[in-house]
Amino acid sequence: MRYNEAVRDYNVTVRMFPGNIIASLNGYKVASEYFKAEEKAKIVPEVKF
């Protein structure tokens, strides 16, 4: 599973009943940050064989 998908699933669980009750009792909070790659990391390097 990819990181952002895992964060989304976690947030859904923390917000929905009955997960929100369990989460609030244990101090879990909604994750606020998703992973975002820098623009230069999206550039594909040229490879020659």
PDB file of N, CA and C in Angstrom:
ATOM      1  N   MET A   1       0.852  -1.175   0.000  1.00  0.00           N
ATOM      2  CA  MET A   1       0.000   0.000   0.000  1.00  0.00           C
ATOM      3  C   MET A   1       0.896   1.236   0.000  1.00  0.00           C
ATOM      4  N   ARG A   2       0.512   2.211  -0.719  1.00  0.00           N
ATOM      5  CA  ARG A   2       1.284   3.437  -0.809  1.00  0.00           C
ATOM      6  C   ARG A   2       1.014   4.317   0.411  1.00  0.00           C
ATOM      7  N   TYR A   3       1.953   5.197   0.706  1.00  0.00           N
ATOM      8  CA  TYR A   3       1.879   6.020   1.915  1.00  0.00           C
ATOM      9  C   TYR A   3       0.602   6.858   1.966  1.00  0.00           C
ATOM     10  N   ASN A   4       0.312   7.610   0.895  1.00  0.00           N
ATOM     11  CA  ASN A   4      -0.862   8.485   0.906  1.00  0.00           C
ATOM     12  C   ASN A   4      -2.163   7.697   1.037  1.00  0.00           C
ATOM     13  N   GLU A   5      -2.219   6.506   0.462  1.00  0.00           N
ATOM     14  CA  GLU A   5      -3.402   5.656   0.606  1.00  0.00           C
ATOM     15  C   GLU A   5      -3.559   5.204   2.056  1.00  0.00           C
ATOM     16  N   ALA A   6      -2.452   4.867   2.699  1.00  0.00           N
ATOM     17  CA  ALA A   6      -2.487   4.447   4.102  1.00  0.00           C
ATOM     18  C   ALA A   6      -2.933   5.596   4.998  1.00  0.00           C
ATOM     19  N   VAL A   7      -2.451   6.802   4.725  1.00  0.00           N
ATOM     20  CA  VAL A   7      -2.855   7.980   5.506  1.00  0.00           C
ATOM     21  C   VAL A   7      -4.344   8.245   5.312  1.00  0.00           C
ATOM     22  N   ARG A   8      -4.825   8.139   4.074  1.00  0.00           N
ATOM     23  CA  ARG A   8      -6.245   8.352   3.796  1.00  0.00           C
ATOM     24  C   ARG A   8      -7.096   7.333   4.546  1.00  0.00           C
ATOM     25  N   ASP A   9      -6.706   6.062   4.503  1.00  0.00           N
ATOM     26  CA  ASP A   9      -7.454   5.016   5.206  1.00  0.00           C
ATOM     27  C   ASP A   9      -7.451   5.245   6.713  1.00  0.00           C
ATOM     28  N   TYR A  10      -6.318   5.657   7.251  1.00  0.00           N
ATOM     29  CA  TYR A  10      -6.216   5.968   8.679  1.00  0.00           C
ATOM     30  C   TYR A  10      -7.165   7.108   9.042  1.00  0.00           C
ATOM     31  N   ASN A  11      -7.150   8.177   8.235  1.00  0.00           N
ATOM     32  CA  ASN A  11      -8.008   9.330   8.509  1.00  0.00           C
ATOM     33  C   ASN A  11      -9.488   8.951   8.466  1.00  0.00           C
ATOM     34  N   VAL A  12      -9.865   8.115   7.519  1.00  0.00           N
ATOM     35  CA  VAL A  12     -11.258   7.668   7.430  1.00  0.00           C
ATOM     36  C   VAL A  12     -11.631   6.885   8.683  1.00  0.00           C
ATOM     37  N   THR A  13     -10.755   6.008   9.123  1.00  0.00           N
ATOM     38  CA  THR A  13     -11.020   5.203  10.316  1.00  0.00           C
ATOM     39  C   THR A  13     -11.150   6.073  11.556  1.00  0.00           C
ATOM     40  N   VAL A  14     -10.296   7.072  11.684  1.00  0.00           N
ATOM     41  CA  VAL A  14     -10.307   7.951  12.857  1.00  0.00           C
ATOM     42  C   VAL A  14     -11.554   8.838  12.870  1.00  0.00           C
ATOM     43  N   ARG A  15     -12.107   9.136  11.715  1.00  0.00           N
ATOM     44  CA  ARG A  15     -13.261  10.040  11.639  1.00  0.00           C
ATOM     45  C   ARG A  15     -14.610   9.330  11.738  1.00  0.00           C
ATOM     46  N   MET A  16     -14.668   8.048  11.413  1.00  0.00           N
ATOM     47  CA  MET A  16     -15.956   7.346  11.347  1.00  0.00           C
ATOM     48  C   MET A  16     -16.242   6.561  12.624  1.00  0.00           C
ATOM     49  N   PHE A  17     -17.532   6.439  12.938  1.00  0.00           N
ATOM     50  CA  PHE A  17     -17.986   5.651  14.072  1.00  0.00           C
ATOM     51  C   PHE A  17     -17.781   4.177  13.771  1.00  0.00           C
ATOM     52  N   PRO A  18     -17.359   3.350  14.650  1.00  0.00           N
ATOM     53  CA  PRO A  18     -16.962   3.549  16.031  1.00  0.00           C
ATOM     54  C   PRO A  18     -15.480   3.866  16.193  1.00  0.00           C
ATOM     55  N   GLY A  19     -14.750   3.920  15.066  1.00  0.00           N
ATOM     56  CA  GLY A  19     -13.317   4.199  15.141  1.00  0.00           C
ATOM     57  C   GLY A  19     -12.999   5.526  15.791  1.00  0.00           C
ATOM     58  N   ASN A  20     -13.881   6.523  15.617  1.00  0.00           N
ATOM     59  CA  ASN A  20     -13.617   7.833  16.203  1.00  0.00           C
ATOM     60  C   ASN A  20     -13.660   7.792  17.729  1.00  0.00           C
ATOM     61  N   ILE A  21     -14.489   6.936  18.291  1.00  0.00           N
ATOM     62  CA  ILE A  21     -14.549   6.814  19.754  1.00  0.00           C
ATOM     63  C   ILE A  21     -13.274   6.165  20.277  1.00  0.00           C
ATOM     64  N   ILE A  22     -12.865   5.083  19.653  1.00  0.00           N
ATOM     65  CA  ILE A  22     -11.637   4.389  20.058  1.00  0.00           C
ATOM     66  C   ILE A  22     -10.436   5.314  19.887  1.00  0.00           C
ATOM     67  N   ALA A  23     -10.396   6.019  18.760  1.00  0.00           N
ATOM     68  CA  ALA A  23      -9.273   6.916  18.478  1.00  0.00           C
ATOM     69  C   ALA A  23      -9.197   8.039  19.503  1.00  0.00           C
ATOM     70  N   SER A  24     -10.331   8.634  19.846  1.00  0.00           N
ATOM     71  CA  SER A  24     -10.304   9.744  20.804  1.00  0.00           C
ATOM     72  C   SER A  24      -9.908   9.267  22.198  1.00  0.00           C
ATOM     73  N   LEU A  25     -10.311   8.066  22.572  1.00  0.00           N
ATOM     74  CA  LEU A  25      -9.932   7.526  23.881  1.00  0.00           C
ATOM     75  C   LEU A  25      -8.432   7.245  23.968  1.00  0.00           C
ATOM     76  N   ASN A  26      -7.823   6.911  22.842  1.00  0.00           N
ATOM     77  CA  ASN A  26      -6.399   6.580  22.819  1.00  0.00           C
ATOM     78  C   ASN A  26      -5.512   7.728  22.351  1.00  0.00           C
ATOM     79  N   GLY A  27      -6.103   8.880  22.072  1.00  0.00           N
ATOM     80  CA  GLY A  27      -5.311  10.051  21.711  1.00  0.00           C
ATOM     81  C   GLY A  27      -4.889  10.123  20.256  1.00  0.00           C
ATOM     82  N   TYR A  28      -5.492   9.297  19.395  1.00  0.00           N
ATOM     83  CA  TYR A  28      -5.156   9.360  17.971  1.00  0.00           C
ATOM     84  C   TYR A  28      -5.820  10.575  17.345  1.00  0.00           C
ATOM     85  N   LYS A  29      -5.107  11.222  16.444  1.00  0.00           N
ATOM     86  CA  LYS A  29      -5.635  12.392  15.758  1.00  0.00           C
ATOM     87  C   LYS A  29      -5.532  12.179  14.255  1.00  0.00           C
ATOM     88  N   VAL A  30      -6.279  12.979  13.512  1.00  0.00           N
ATOM     89  CA  VAL A  30      -6.248  12.906  12.050  1.00  0.00           C
ATOM     90  C   VAL A  30      -4.871  13.340  11.568  1.00  0.00           C
ATOM     91  N   ALA A  31      -4.296  12.563  10.666  1.00  0.00           N
ATOM     92  CA  ALA A  31      -3.000  12.912  10.074  1.00  0.00           C
ATOM     93  C   ALA A  31      -3.221  14.063   9.103  1.00  0.00           C
ATOM     94  N   SER A  32      -2.435  15.110   9.227  1.00  0.00           N
ATOM     95  CA  SER A  32      -2.682  16.306   8.428  1.00  0.00           C
ATOM     96  C   SER A  32      -1.814  16.402   7.186  1.00  0.00           C
ATOM     97  N   GLU A  33      -0.763  15.609   7.108  1.00  0.00           N
ATOM     98  CA  GLU A  33       0.156  15.767   5.984  1.00  0.00           C
ATOM     99  C   GLU A  33       0.210  14.522   5.117  1.00  0.00           C
ATOM    100  N   TYR A  34       0.121  14.771   3.828  1.00  0.00           N
ATOM    101  CA  TYR A  34       0.332  13.731   2.831  1.00  0.00           C
ATOM    102  C   TYR A  34       1.716  13.930   2.241  1.00  0.00           C
ATOM    103  N   PHE A  35       2.280  12.869   1.682  1.00  0.00           N
ATOM    104  CA  PHE A  35       3.581  12.965   1.039  1.00  0.00           C
ATOM    105  C   PHE A  35       3.420  13.660  -0.298  1.00  0.00           C
ATOM    106  N   LYS A  36       4.302  14.623  -0.575  1.00  0.00           N
ATOM    107  CA  LYS A  36       4.303  15.297  -1.866  1.00  0.00           C
ATOM    108  C   LYS A  36       5.750  15.409  -2.321  1.00  0.00           C
ATOM    109  N   ALA A  37       6.033  14.830  -3.478  1.00  0.00           N
ATOM    110  CA  ALA A  37       7.395  14.857  -4.013  1.00  0.00           C
ATOM    111  C   ALA A  37       7.717  16.244  -4.553  1.00  0.00           C
ATOM    112  N   GLU A  38       8.985  16.611  -4.448  1.00  0.00           N
ATOM    113  CA  GLU A  38       9.427  17.876  -5.019  1.00  0.00           C
ATOM    114  C   GLU A  38       9.384  17.775  -6.536  1.00  0.00           C
ATOM    115  N   GLU A  39       9.271  18.909  -7.191  1.00  0.00           N
ATOM    116  CA  GLU A  39       9.190  18.920  -8.655  1.00  0.00           C
ATOM    117  C   GLU A  39      10.425  18.286  -9.297  1.00  0.00           C
ATOM    118  N   LYS A  40      11.607  18.556  -8.752  1.00  0.00           N
ATOM    119  CA  LYS A  40      12.817  18.001  -9.360  1.00  0.00           C
ATOM    120  C   LYS A  40      12.896  16.480  -9.194  1.00  0.00           C
ATOM    121  N   ALA A  41      12.186  15.927  -8.227  1.00  0.00           N
ATOM    122  CA  ALA A  41      12.166  14.474  -8.037  1.00  0.00           C
ATOM    123  C   ALA A  41      11.286  13.785  -9.077  1.00  0.00           C
ATOM    124  N   LYS A  42      10.417  14.537  -9.723  1.00  0.00           N
ATOM    125  CA  LYS A  42       9.524  13.969 -10.734  1.00  0.00           C
ATOM    126  C   LYS A  42      10.184  13.858 -12.105  1.00  0.00           C
ATOM    127  N   ILE A  43      11.345  14.470 -12.272  1.00  0.00           N
ATOM    128  CA  ILE A  43      12.047  14.424 -13.554  1.00  0.00           C
ATOM    129  C   ILE A  43      12.710  13.057 -13.708  1.00  0.00           C
ATOM    130  N   VAL A  44      12.419  12.407 -14.810  1.00  0.00           N
ATOM    131  CA  VAL A  44      12.967  11.076 -15.073  1.00  0.00           C
ATOM    132  C   VAL A  44      14.357  11.226 -15.684  1.00  0.00           C
ATOM    133  N   PRO A  45      15.362  10.575 -15.103  1.00  0.00           N
ATOM    134  CA  PRO A  45      16.713  10.683 -15.657  1.00  0.00           C
ATOM    135  C   PRO A  45      16.825   9.928 -16.983  1.00  0.00           C
ATOM    136  N   GLU A  46      17.665  10.429 -17.848  1.00  0.00           N
ATOM    137  CA  GLU A  46      17.892   9.776 -19.132  1.00  0.00           C
ATOM    138  C   GLU A  46      18.913   8.662 -18.938  1.00  0.00           C
ATOM    139  N   VAL A  47      18.583   7.465 -19.431  1.00  0.00           N
ATOM    140  CA  VAL A  47      19.458   6.306 -19.291  1.00  0.00           C
ATOM    141  C   VAL A  47      19.783   5.775 -20.677  1.00  0.00           C
ATOM    142  N   LYS A  48      21.074   5.562 -20.926  1.00  0.00           N
ATOM    143  CA  LYS A  48      21.506   4.999 -22.211  1.00  0.00           C
ATOM    144  C   LYS A  48      22.226   3.686 -21.937  1.00  0.00           C
ATOM    145  N   PHE A  49      21.885   2.666 -22.710  1.00  0.00           N
ATOM    146  CA  PHE A  49      22.530   1.364 -22.562  1.00  0.00           C
ATOM    147  C   PHE A  49      23.514   1.143 -23.670  1.00  0.00           C
TER     148      PHE A  49
END
